[in-house]
PDB file of N, CA and C in Angstrom:
ATOM      1  N   MET A   1      85.680  37.408  16.216  1.00  0.00           N
ATOM      2  CA  MET A   1      85.026  36.497  15.389  1.00  0.00           C
ATOM      3  C   MET A   1      84.817  35.208  16.170  1.00  0.00           C
ATOM      4  N   THR A   2      83.629  34.789  16.351  1.00  0.00           N
ATOM      5  CA  THR A   2      83.257  33.555  17.015  1.00  0.00           C
ATOM      6  C   THR A   2      83.878  32.301  16.417  1.00  0.00           C
ATOM      7  N   ILE A   3      84.430  31.408  17.251  1.00  0.00           N
ATOM      8  CA  ILE A   3      85.071  30.229  16.895  1.00  0.00           C
ATOM      9  C   ILE A   3      84.271  29.030  17.641  1.00  0.00           C
ATOM     10  N   PHE A   4      84.090  27.986  16.812  1.00  0.00           N
ATOM     11  CA  PHE A   4      83.509  26.744  17.424  1.00  0.00           C
ATOM     12  C   PHE A   4      84.592  25.666  17.321  1.00  0.00           C
ATOM     13  N   MET A   5      84.860  24.964  18.439  1.00  0.00           N
ATOM     14  CA  MET A   5      85.695  23.760  18.375  1.00  0.00           C
ATOM     15  C   MET A   5      84.735  22.554  18.396  1.00  0.00           C
ATOM     16  N   VAL A   6      84.731  21.802  17.385  1.00  0.00           N
ATOM     17  CA  VAL A   6      83.866  20.685  17.182  1.00  0.00           C
ATOM     18  C   VAL A   6      84.601  19.378  17.273  1.00  0.00           C
ATOM     19  N   GLU A   7      84.191  18.554  18.222  1.00  0.00           N
ATOM     20  CA  GLU A   7      84.806  17.262  18.417  1.00  0.00           C
ATOM     21  C   GLU A   7      83.791  16.196  18.049  1.00  0.00           C
ATOM     22  N   THR A   8      84.141  15.247  17.280  1.00  0.00           N
ATOM     23  CA  THR A   8      83.277  14.127  16.900  1.00  0.00           C
ATOM     24  C   THR A   8      84.017  12.808  17.380  1.00  0.00           C
ATOM     25  N   TYR A   9      83.202  11.825  17.720  1.00  0.00           N
ATOM     26  CA  TYR A   9      83.786  10.542  18.117  1.00  0.00           C
ATOM     27  C   TYR A   9      82.635   9.481  18.213  1.00  0.00           C
ATOM     28  N   VAL A  10      83.067   8.243  18.164  1.00  0.00           N
ATOM     29  CA  VAL A  10      82.141   7.127  18.299  1.00  0.00           C
ATOM     30  C   VAL A  10      82.580   6.366  19.582  1.00  0.00           C
ATOM     31  N   ILE A  11      81.615   5.953  20.436  1.00  0.00           N
ATOM     32  CA  ILE A  11      81.874   5.228  21.648  1.00  0.00           C
ATOM     33  C   ILE A  11      81.797   3.788  21.233  1.00  0.00           C
ATOM     34  N   LYS A  12      82.771   2.993  21.714  1.00  0.00           N
ATOM     35  CA  LYS A  12      82.735   1.506  21.463  1.00  0.00           C
ATOM     36  C   LYS A  12      81.351   0.962  21.934  1.00  0.00           C
ATOM     37  N   PRO A  13      80.729   0.100  21.161  1.00  0.00           N
ATOM     38  CA  PRO A  13      79.400  -0.459  21.454  1.00  0.00           C
ATOM     39  C   PRO A  13      79.368  -1.108  22.886  1.00  0.00           C
ATOM     40  N   GLU A  14      80.404  -1.767  23.264  1.00  0.00           N
ATOM     41  CA  GLU A  14      80.421  -2.399  24.629  1.00  0.00           C
ATOM     42  C   GLU A  14      80.670  -1.479  25.797  1.00  0.00           C
ATOM     43  N   LYS A  15      81.021  -0.211  25.420  1.00  0.00           N
ATOM     44  CA  LYS A  15      81.302   0.805  26.488  1.00  0.00           C
ATOM     45  C   LYS A  15      80.238   1.871  26.649  1.00  0.00           C
ATOM     46  N   GLU A  16      79.027   1.669  25.980  1.00  0.00           N
ATOM     47  CA  GLU A  16      77.992   2.800  26.079  1.00  0.00           C
ATOM     48  C   GLU A  16      77.542   3.094  27.474  1.00  0.00           C
ATOM     49  N   ALA A  17      77.398   2.085  28.331  1.00  0.00           N
ATOM     50  CA  ALA A  17      76.903   2.214  29.699  1.00  0.00           C
ATOM     51  C   ALA A  17      78.038   2.981  30.414  1.00  0.00           C
ATOM     52  N   GLU A  18      79.302   2.625  30.207  1.00  0.00           N
ATOM     53  CA  GLU A  18      80.409   3.200  30.876  1.00  0.00           C
ATOM     54  C   GLU A  18      80.360   4.741  30.476  1.00  0.00           C
ATOM     55  N   PHE A  19      80.054   5.049  29.236  1.00  0.00           N
ATOM     56  CA  PHE A  19      80.134   6.398  28.721  1.00  0.00           C
ATOM     57  C   PHE A  19      79.037   7.194  29.426  1.00  0.00           C
ATOM     58  N   THR A  20      77.941   6.678  29.666  1.00  0.00           N
ATOM     59  CA  THR A  20      76.840   7.342  30.435  1.00  0.00           C
ATOM     60  C   THR A  20      77.325   7.741  31.780  1.00  0.00           C
ATOM     61  N   ALA A  21      78.013   6.824  32.443  1.00  0.00           N
ATOM     62  CA  ALA A  21      78.565   7.178  33.743  1.00  0.00           C
ATOM     63  C   ALA A  21      79.680   8.236  33.629  1.00  0.00           C
ATOM     64  N   PHE A  22      80.455   8.015  32.568  1.00  0.00           N
ATOM     65  CA  PHE A  22      81.561   9.052  32.408  1.00  0.00           C
ATOM     66  C   PHE A  22      80.999  10.433  32.214  1.00  0.00           C
ATOM     67  N   LEU A  23      79.862  10.649  31.452  1.00  0.00           N
ATOM     68  CA  LEU A  23      79.327  11.926  31.192  1.00  0.00           C
ATOM     69  C   LEU A  23      78.967  12.617  32.560  1.00  0.00           C
ATOM     70  N   LYS A  24      78.385  11.825  33.462  1.00  0.00           N
ATOM     71  CA  LYS A  24      78.083  12.411  34.806  1.00  0.00           C
ATOM     72  C   LYS A  24      79.374  12.937  35.444  1.00  0.00           C
ATOM     73  N   LYS A  25      80.484  12.249  35.322  1.00  0.00           N
ATOM     74  CA  LYS A  25      81.754  12.722  35.891  1.00  0.00           C
ATOM     75  C   LYS A  25      82.225  13.938  35.177  1.00  0.00           C
ATOM     76  N   TRP A  26      82.077  14.004  33.840  1.00  0.00           N
ATOM     77  CA  TRP A  26      82.464  15.142  33.074  1.00  0.00           C
ATOM     78  C   TRP A  26      81.703  16.407  33.421  1.00  0.00           C
ATOM     79  N   PHE A  27      80.388  16.320  33.535  1.00  0.00           N
ATOM     80  CA  PHE A  27      79.609  17.481  33.909  1.00  0.00           C
ATOM     81  C   PHE A  27      79.871  17.958  35.321  1.00  0.00           C
ATOM     82  N   ALA A  28      80.050  16.934  36.202  1.00  0.00           N
ATOM     83  CA  ALA A  28      80.508  17.251  37.648  1.00  0.00           C
ATOM     84  C   ALA A  28      81.854  17.994  37.642  1.00  0.00           C
ATOM     85  N   TYR A  29      82.740  17.517  36.827  1.00  0.00           N
ATOM     86  CA  TYR A  29      84.117  18.141  36.747  1.00  0.00           C
ATOM     87  C   TYR A  29      83.974  19.513  36.295  1.00  0.00           C
ATOM     88  N   LYS A  30      83.178  19.800  35.212  1.00  0.00           N
ATOM     89  CA  LYS A  30      82.993  21.127  34.644  1.00  0.00           C
ATOM     90  C   LYS A  30      82.369  22.148  35.765  1.00  0.00           C
ATOM     91  N   GLU A  31      81.398  21.553  36.506  1.00  0.00           N
ATOM     92  CA  GLU A  31      80.799  22.362  37.514  1.00  0.00           C
ATOM     93  C   GLU A  31      81.810  22.671  38.684  1.00  0.00           C
ATOM     94  N   LYS A  32      82.643  21.704  38.996  1.00  0.00           N
ATOM     95  CA  LYS A  32      83.539  21.887  40.112  1.00  0.00           C
ATOM     96  C   LYS A  32      84.705  22.834  39.766  1.00  0.00           C
ATOM     97  N   HIS A  33      85.002  22.891  38.479  1.00  0.00           N
ATOM     98  CA  HIS A  33      86.128  23.643  38.053  1.00  0.00           C
ATOM     99  C   HIS A  33      85.765  24.776  36.978  1.00  0.00           C
ATOM    100  N   PRO A  34      84.836  25.658  37.473  1.00  0.00           N
ATOM    101  CA  PRO A  34      84.479  26.687  36.532  1.00  0.00           C
ATOM    102  C   PRO A  34      85.596  27.623  35.962  1.00  0.00           C
ATOM    103  N   GLN A  35      86.668  27.762  36.689  1.00  0.00           N
ATOM    104  CA  GLN A  35      87.846  28.597  36.340  1.00  0.00           C
ATOM    105  C   GLN A  35      88.449  27.987  35.126  1.00  0.00           C
ATOM    106  N   LEU A  36      88.420  26.649  34.912  1.00  0.00           N
ATOM    107  CA  LEU A  36      88.989  26.041  33.792  1.00  0.00           C
ATOM    108  C   LEU A  36      88.217  26.320  32.445  1.00  0.00           C
ATOM    109  N   PHE A  37      86.971  26.742  32.546  1.00  0.00           N
ATOM    110  CA  PHE A  37      86.092  26.898  31.454  1.00  0.00           C
ATOM    111  C   PHE A  37      85.596  28.336  31.237  1.00  0.00           C
ATOM    112  N   LYS A  38      86.316  29.249  31.770  1.00  0.00           N
ATOM    113  CA  LYS A  38      85.878  30.639  31.691  1.00  0.00           C
ATOM    114  C   LYS A  38      85.801  31.233  30.283  1.00  0.00           C
ATOM    115  N   GLU A  39      86.653  30.713  29.370  1.00  0.00           N
ATOM    116  CA  GLU A  39      86.639  31.213  28.005  1.00  0.00           C
ATOM    117  C   GLU A  39      85.452  30.619  27.156  1.00  0.00           C
ATOM    118  N   VAL A  40      84.907  29.512  27.661  1.00  0.00           N
ATOM    119  CA  VAL A  40      83.867  28.806  26.820  1.00  0.00           C
ATOM    120  C   VAL A  40      82.633  29.625  26.965  1.00  0.00           C
ATOM    121  N   LYS A  41      82.102  30.113  25.825  1.00  0.00           N
ATOM    122  CA  LYS A  41      80.891  30.834  25.856  1.00  0.00           C
ATOM    123  C   LYS A  41      79.732  29.955  25.944  1.00  0.00           C
ATOM    124  N   SER A  42      79.701  28.861  25.257  1.00  0.00           N
ATOM    125  CA  SER A  42      78.693  27.785  25.256  1.00  0.00           C
ATOM    126  C   SER A  42      79.204  26.453  24.921  1.00  0.00           C
ATOM    127  N   TYR A  43      78.472  25.458  25.406  1.00  0.00           N
ATOM    128  CA  TYR A  43      78.946  24.074  25.268  1.00  0.00           C
ATOM    129  C   TYR A  43      77.695  23.241  25.030  1.00  0.00           C
ATOM    130  N   LYS A  44      77.725  22.389  23.958  1.00  0.00           N
ATOM    131  CA  LYS A  44      76.639  21.467  23.742  1.00  0.00           C
ATOM    132  C   LYS A  44      77.167  20.084  23.363  1.00  0.00           C
ATOM    133  N   ILE A  45      76.565  19.056  23.760  1.00  0.00           N
ATOM    134  CA  ILE A  45      76.888  17.679  23.283  1.00  0.00           C
ATOM    135  C   ILE A  45      75.611  17.065  22.678  1.00  0.00           C
ATOM    136  N   PHE A  46      75.912  16.494  21.541  1.00  0.00           N
ATOM    137  CA  PHE A  46      74.831  15.799  20.800  1.00  0.00           C
ATOM    138  C   PHE A  46      75.133  14.332  20.684  1.00  0.00           C
ATOM    139  N   ALA A  47      74.018  13.483  20.789  1.00  0.00           N
ATOM    140  CA  ALA A  47      74.154  12.078  20.538  1.00  0.00           C
ATOM    141  C   ALA A  47      73.579  11.739  19.172  1.00  0.00           C
ATOM    142  N   HIS A  48      74.129  10.846  18.460  1.00  0.00           N
ATOM    143  CA  HIS A  48      73.625  10.395  17.184  1.00  0.00           C
ATOM    144  C   HIS A  48      72.229   9.833  17.392  1.00  0.00           C
ATOM    145  N   LEU A  49      71.336  10.180  16.425  1.00  0.00           N
ATOM    146  CA  LEU A  49      70.002   9.732  16.503  1.00  0.00           C
ATOM    147  C   LEU A  49      69.578   8.875  15.397  1.00  0.00           C
ATOM    148  N   LEU A  50      69.948   9.361  14.152  1.00  0.00           N
ATOM    149  CA  LEU A  50      69.509   8.609  12.914  1.00  0.00           C
ATOM    150  C   LEU A  50      70.550   8.786  11.821  1.00  0.00           C
ATOM    151  N   GLY A  51      70.852   7.648  11.160  1.00  0.00           N
ATOM    152  CA  GLY A  51      71.851   7.756  10.026  1.00  0.00           C
ATOM    153  C   GLY A  51      73.220   7.855  10.653  1.00  0.00           C
ATOM    154  N   GLY A  52      74.248   7.876   9.740  1.00  0.00           N
ATOM    155  CA  GLY A  52      75.682   7.936  10.219  1.00  0.00           C
ATOM    156  C   GLY A  52      76.117   6.790  11.069  1.00  0.00           C
ATOM    157  N   ASN A  53      76.979   7.090  12.024  1.00  0.00           N
ATOM    158  CA  ASN A  53      77.528   6.033  12.842  1.00  0.00           C
ATOM    159  C   ASN A  53      76.895   5.879  14.158  1.00  0.00           C
ATOM    160  N   ARG A  54      76.426   4.640  14.508  1.00  0.00           N
ATOM    161  CA  ARG A  54      75.791   4.359  15.722  1.00  0.00           C
ATOM    162  C   ARG A  54      76.753   4.578  16.828  1.00  0.00           C
ATOM    163  N   GLY A  55      76.389   5.250  17.974  1.00  0.00           N
ATOM    164  CA  GLY A  55      77.227   5.528  19.045  1.00  0.00           C
ATOM    165  C   GLY A  55      78.099   6.808  18.846  1.00  0.00           C
ATOM    166  N   GLY A  56      77.707   7.532  17.900  1.00  0.00           N
ATOM    167  CA  GLY A  56      78.423   8.815  17.561  1.00  0.00           C
ATOM    168  C   GLY A  56      77.949   9.975  18.472  1.00  0.00           C
ATOM    169  N   TYR A  57      78.903  10.908  18.722  1.00  0.00           N
ATOM    170  CA  TYR A  57      78.655  12.031  19.425  1.00  0.00           C
ATOM    171  C   TYR A  57      79.436  13.276  18.851  1.00  0.00           C
ATOM    172  N   VAL A  58      78.846  14.441  18.996  1.00  0.00           N
ATOM    173  CA  VAL A  58      79.404  15.756  18.641  1.00  0.00           C
ATOM    174  C   VAL A  58      79.377  16.616  19.839  1.00  0.00           C
ATOM    175  N   GLU A  59      80.533  17.177  20.168  1.00  0.00           N
ATOM    176  CA  GLU A  59      80.635  18.234  21.172  1.00  0.00           C
ATOM    177  C   GLU A  59      81.036  19.499  20.539  1.00  0.00           C
ATOM    178  N   MET A  60      80.282  20.573  20.882  1.00  0.00           N
ATOM    179  CA  MET A  60      80.597  22.002  20.373  1.00  0.00           C
ATOM    180  C   MET A  60      80.913  22.922  21.493  1.00  0.00           C
ATOM    181  N   PHE A  61      82.114  23.467  21.390  1.00  0.00           N
ATOM    182  CA  PHE A  61      82.498  24.503  22.350  1.00  0.00           C
ATOM    183  C   PHE A  61      82.640  25.845  21.589  1.00  0.00           C
ATOM    184  N   GLU A  62      81.964  26.864  22.141  1.00  0.00           N
ATOM    185  CA  GLU A  62      82.031  28.171  21.433  1.00  0.00           C
ATOM    186  C   GLU A  62      82.932  29.152  22.220  1.00  0.00           C
ATOM    187  N   PHE A  63      83.732  29.874  21.480  1.00  0.00           N
ATOM    188  CA  PHE A  63      84.637  30.915  22.001  1.00  0.00           C
ATOM    189  C   PHE A  63      84.492  32.217  21.316  1.00  0.00           C
ATOM    190  N   ASP A  64      84.906  33.251  21.964  1.00  0.00           N
ATOM    191  CA  ASP A  64      84.768  34.631  21.348  1.00  0.00           C
ATOM    192  C   ASP A  64      85.702  34.758  20.124  1.00  0.00           C
ATOM    193  N   ASN A  65      86.886  34.168  20.261  1.00  0.00           N
ATOM    194  CA  ASN A  65      87.906  34.222  19.232  1.00  0.00           C
ATOM    195  C   ASN A  65      88.950  33.133  19.415  1.00  0.00           C
ATOM    196  N   PHE A  66      89.860  33.061  18.448  1.00  0.00           N
ATOM    197  CA  PHE A  66      90.902  32.011  18.496  1.00  0.00           C
ATOM    198  C   PHE A  66      91.816  32.124  19.700  1.00  0.00           C
ATOM    199  N   ALA A  67      92.103  33.414  20.100  1.00  0.00           N
ATOM    200  CA  ALA A  67      92.956  33.574  21.276  1.00  0.00           C
ATOM    201  C   ALA A  67      92.344  32.919  22.584  1.00  0.00           C
ATOM    202  N   GLU A  68      91.050  33.207  22.738  1.00  0.00           N
ATOM    203  CA  GLU A  68      90.315  32.579  23.831  1.00  0.00           C
ATOM    204  C   GLU A  68      90.327  31.124  23.857  1.00  0.00           C
ATOM    205  N   LEU A  69      90.203  30.516  22.623  1.00  0.00           N
ATOM    206  CA  LEU A  69      90.353  29.029  22.453  1.00  0.00           C
ATOM    207  C   LEU A  69      91.725  28.546  22.896  1.00  0.00           C
ATOM    208  N   GLU A  70      92.767  29.278  22.483  1.00  0.00           N
ATOM    209  CA  GLU A  70      94.134  28.899  22.816  1.00  0.00           C
ATOM    210  C   GLU A  70      94.396  28.997  24.340  1.00  0.00           C
ATOM    211  N   LYS A  71      93.889  30.009  24.975  1.00  0.00           N
ATOM    212  CA  LYS A  71      94.007  30.116  26.393  1.00  0.00           C
ATOM    213  C   LYS A  71      93.380  28.927  27.116  1.00  0.00           C
ATOM    214  N   TRP A  72      92.131  28.615  26.672  1.00  0.00           N
ATOM    215  CA  TRP A  72      91.435  27.484  27.291  1.00  0.00           C
ATOM    216  C   TRP A  72      92.158  26.183  27.081  1.00  0.00           C
ATOM    217  N   VAL A  73      92.651  25.843  25.823  1.00  0.00           N
ATOM    218  CA  VAL A  73      93.291  24.653  25.564  1.00  0.00           C
ATOM    219  C   VAL A  73      94.539  24.534  26.431  1.00  0.00           C
ATOM    220  N   ASN A  74      95.369  25.610  26.471  1.00  0.00           N
ATOM    221  CA  ASN A  74      96.625  25.602  27.303  1.00  0.00           C
ATOM    222  C   ASN A  74      96.221  25.326  28.767  1.00  0.00           C
ATOM    223  N   ARG A  75      95.239  25.972  29.336  1.00  0.00           N
ATOM    224  CA  ARG A  75      94.860  25.727  30.702  1.00  0.00           C
ATOM    225  C   ARG A  75      94.432  24.336  30.927  1.00  0.00           C
ATOM    226  N   LEU A  76      93.597  23.783  30.048  1.00  0.00           N
ATOM    227  CA  LEU A  76      93.078  22.479  30.160  1.00  0.00           C
ATOM    228  C   LEU A  76      94.222  21.414  30.107  1.00  0.00           C
ATOM    229  N   MET A  77      95.094  21.646  29.171  1.00  0.00           N
ATOM    230  CA  MET A  77      96.250  20.696  29.005  1.00  0.00           C
ATOM    231  C   MET A  77      97.181  20.605  30.251  1.00  0.00           C
ATOM    232  N   GLN A  78      97.102  21.679  31.052  1.00  0.00           N
ATOM    233  CA  GLN A  78      97.938  21.686  32.259  1.00  0.00           C
ATOM    234  C   GLN A  78      97.212  21.323  33.504  1.00  0.00           C
ATOM    235  N   SER A  79      95.920  20.993  33.331  1.00  0.00           N
ATOM    236  CA  SER A  79      95.009  20.689  34.480  1.00  0.00           C
ATOM    237  C   SER A  79      95.115  19.160  34.747  1.00  0.00           C
ATOM    238  N   ASP A  80      94.498  18.762  35.924  1.00  0.00           N
ATOM    239  CA  ASP A  80      94.437  17.415  36.269  1.00  0.00           C
ATOM    240  C   ASP A  80      93.455  16.674  35.345  1.00  0.00           C
ATOM    241  N   PHE A  81      92.695  17.320  34.530  1.00  0.00           N
ATOM    242  CA  PHE A  81      91.825  16.652  33.588  1.00  0.00           C
ATOM    243  C   PHE A  81      92.561  15.695  32.571  1.00  0.00           C
ATOM    244  N   MET A  82      93.761  16.132  32.213  1.00  0.00           N
ATOM    245  CA  MET A  82      94.598  15.335  31.300  1.00  0.00           C
ATOM    246  C   MET A  82      95.080  14.043  31.904  1.00  0.00           C
ATOM    247  N   THR A  83      95.160  13.977  33.240  1.00  0.00           N
ATOM    248  CA  THR A  83      95.640  12.753  33.913  1.00  0.00           C
ATOM    249  C   THR A  83      94.521  11.983  34.515  1.00  0.00           C
ATOM    250  N   THR A  84      93.359  12.533  34.646  1.00  0.00           N
ATOM    251  CA  THR A  84      92.250  11.827  35.269  1.00  0.00           C
ATOM    252  C   THR A  84      91.114  11.493  34.271  1.00  0.00           C
ATOM    253  N   LEU A  85      90.400  12.441  33.782  1.00  0.00           N
ATOM    254  CA  LEU A  85      89.199  12.145  32.925  1.00  0.00           C
ATOM    255  C   LEU A  85      89.656  11.826  31.535  1.00  0.00           C
ATOM    256  N   HIS A  86      90.594  12.526  30.911  1.00  0.00           N
ATOM    257  CA  HIS A  86      90.925  12.252  29.516  1.00  0.00           C
ATOM    258  C   HIS A  86      91.285  10.832  29.206  1.00  0.00           C
ATOM    259  N   PRO A  87      92.190  10.186  29.952  1.00  0.00           N
ATOM    260  CA  PRO A  87      92.536   8.862  29.643  1.00  0.00           C
ATOM    261  C   PRO A  87      91.279   7.880  29.790  1.00  0.00           C
ATOM    262  N   GLU A  88      90.382   8.221  30.756  1.00  0.00           N
ATOM    263  CA  GLU A  88      89.155   7.430  30.842  1.00  0.00           C
ATOM    264  C   GLU A  88      88.322   7.509  29.675  1.00  0.00           C
ATOM    265  N   PHE A  89      88.218   8.809  29.193  1.00  0.00           N
ATOM    266  CA  PHE A  89      87.416   9.099  28.035  1.00  0.00           C
ATOM    267  C   PHE A  89      87.934   8.283  26.761  1.00  0.00           C
ATOM    268  N   MET A  90      89.311   8.486  26.528  1.00  0.00           N
ATOM    269  CA  MET A  90      89.856   7.814  25.358  1.00  0.00           C
ATOM    270  C   MET A  90      89.763   6.260  25.329  1.00  0.00           C
ATOM    271  N   ALA A  91      89.629   5.669  26.467  1.00  0.00           N
ATOM    272  CA  ALA A  91      89.436   4.172  26.595  1.00  0.00           C
ATOM    273  C   ALA A  91      88.006   3.816  26.098  1.00  0.00           C
ATOM    274  N   LEU A  92      87.095   4.710  26.030  1.00  0.00           N
ATOM    275  CA  LEU A  92      85.698   4.493  25.660  1.00  0.00           C
ATOM    276  C   LEU A  92      85.492   4.705  24.176  1.00  0.00           C
ATOM    277  N   VAL A  93      86.451   5.481  23.549  1.00  0.00           N
ATOM    278  CA  VAL A  93      86.289   5.882  22.120  1.00  0.00           C
ATOM    279  C   VAL A  93      86.750   4.788  21.229  1.00  0.00           C
ATOM    280  N   ALA A  94      85.966   4.527  20.174  1.00  0.00           N
ATOM    281  CA  ALA A  94      86.421   3.605  19.183  1.00  0.00           C
ATOM    282  C   ALA A  94      87.675   4.101  18.404  1.00  0.00           C
ATOM    283  N   PRO A  95      88.588   3.311  18.212  1.00  0.00           N
ATOM    284  CA  PRO A  95      89.903   3.711  17.514  1.00  0.00           C
ATOM    285  C   PRO A  95      89.595   4.467  16.220  1.00  0.00           C
ATOM    286  N   ALA A  96      90.377   5.508  15.988  1.00  0.00           N
ATOM    287  CA  ALA A  96      90.300   6.337  14.765  1.00  0.00           C
ATOM    288  C   ALA A  96      89.048   7.053  14.523  1.00  0.00           C
ATOM    289  N   THR A  97      88.204   7.290  15.587  1.00  0.00           N
ATOM    290  CA  THR A  97      87.023   7.952  15.360  1.00  0.00           C
ATOM    291  C   THR A  97      86.979   9.388  15.944  1.00  0.00           C
ATOM    292  N   ASP A  98      87.942   9.780  16.724  1.00  0.00           N
ATOM    293  CA  ASP A  98      87.986  11.033  17.396  1.00  0.00           C
ATOM    294  C   ASP A  98      88.606  12.024  16.475  1.00  0.00           C
ATOM    295  N   SER A  99      87.863  13.199  16.239  1.00  0.00           N
ATOM    296  CA  SER A  99      88.227  14.187  15.370  1.00  0.00           C
ATOM    297  C   SER A  99      87.941  15.581  15.972  1.00  0.00           C
ATOM    298  N   ILE A 100      88.820  16.484  15.906  1.00  0.00           N
ATOM    299  CA  ILE A 100      88.620  17.837  16.404  1.00  0.00           C
ATOM    300  C   ILE A 100      88.905  18.830  15.176  1.00  0.00           C
ATOM    301  N   SER A 101      87.921  19.723  15.023  1.00  0.00           N
ATOM    302  CA  SER A 101      88.065  20.760  13.985  1.00  0.00           C
ATOM    303  C   SER A 101      87.474  22.065  14.540  1.00  0.00           C
ATOM    304  N   LEU A 102      87.950  23.153  13.834  1.00  0.00           N
ATOM    305  CA  LEU A 102      87.594  24.527  14.218  1.00  0.00           C
ATOM    306  C   LEU A 102      86.671  25.099  13.181  1.00  0.00           C
ATOM    307  N   TRP A 103      85.584  25.760  13.547  1.00  0.00           N
ATOM    308  CA  TRP A 103      84.604  26.296  12.618  1.00  0.00           C
ATOM    309  C   TRP A 103      84.382  27.765  12.977  1.00  0.00           C
ATOM    310  N   ASN A 104      84.000  28.603  11.991  1.00  0.00           N
ATOM    311  CA  ASN A 104      83.514  29.860  12.308  1.00  0.00           C
ATOM    312  C   ASN A 104      82.166  30.101  11.515  1.00  0.00           C
ATOM    313  N   PRO A 105      81.330  30.902  12.080  1.00  0.00           N
ATOM    314  CA  PRO A 105      80.004  31.100  11.449  1.00  0.00           C
ATOM    315  C   PRO A 105      80.116  31.875  10.120  1.00  0.00           C
ATOM    316  N   VAL A 106      79.334  31.600   9.172  1.00  0.00           N
ATOM    317  CA  VAL A 106      79.282  32.232   7.920  1.00  0.00           C
ATOM    318  C   VAL A 106      78.065  33.219   7.980  1.00  0.00           C
ATOM    319  N   LYS A 107      78.302  34.545   7.636  1.00  0.00           N
ATOM    320  CA  LYS A 107      77.249  35.462   7.737  1.00  0.00           C
ATOM    321  C   LYS A 107      76.851  36.002   6.435  1.00  0.00           C
TER     322      LYS A 107
END
C-alpha cells in the first residue's frame, strides 16, 4: 500500500531569500546522497500560491509501504543531514508551523 509523508511549514517572512538558497543545498544534498533516498518513490515540493498562509510549503514523499518509510526515516536520522541541513532548515521555519502527517490513497 502506497504511503505519502506530507510535511507542511511556513517560512519566516524575513527568511524567504535564505530559504531559496537552502533549497539549492537540499537538492544538491539529495543528488549527492542517492543512497539515503533509495526508498523514496517520488518527491514533490509545493509553494503556497493563493489563500492560506503566505510563505507556506508542502513537501510530499511517496513510499511503497510503511516499512520503506521507516527504513528511510531511520537512515536519515542517522545521517549527517540531522547535524548539517536540518538545523539550518528549522531556523528558517516559523514557530509552530511545521507538521508531518502520513497519508494513503483512497481507491
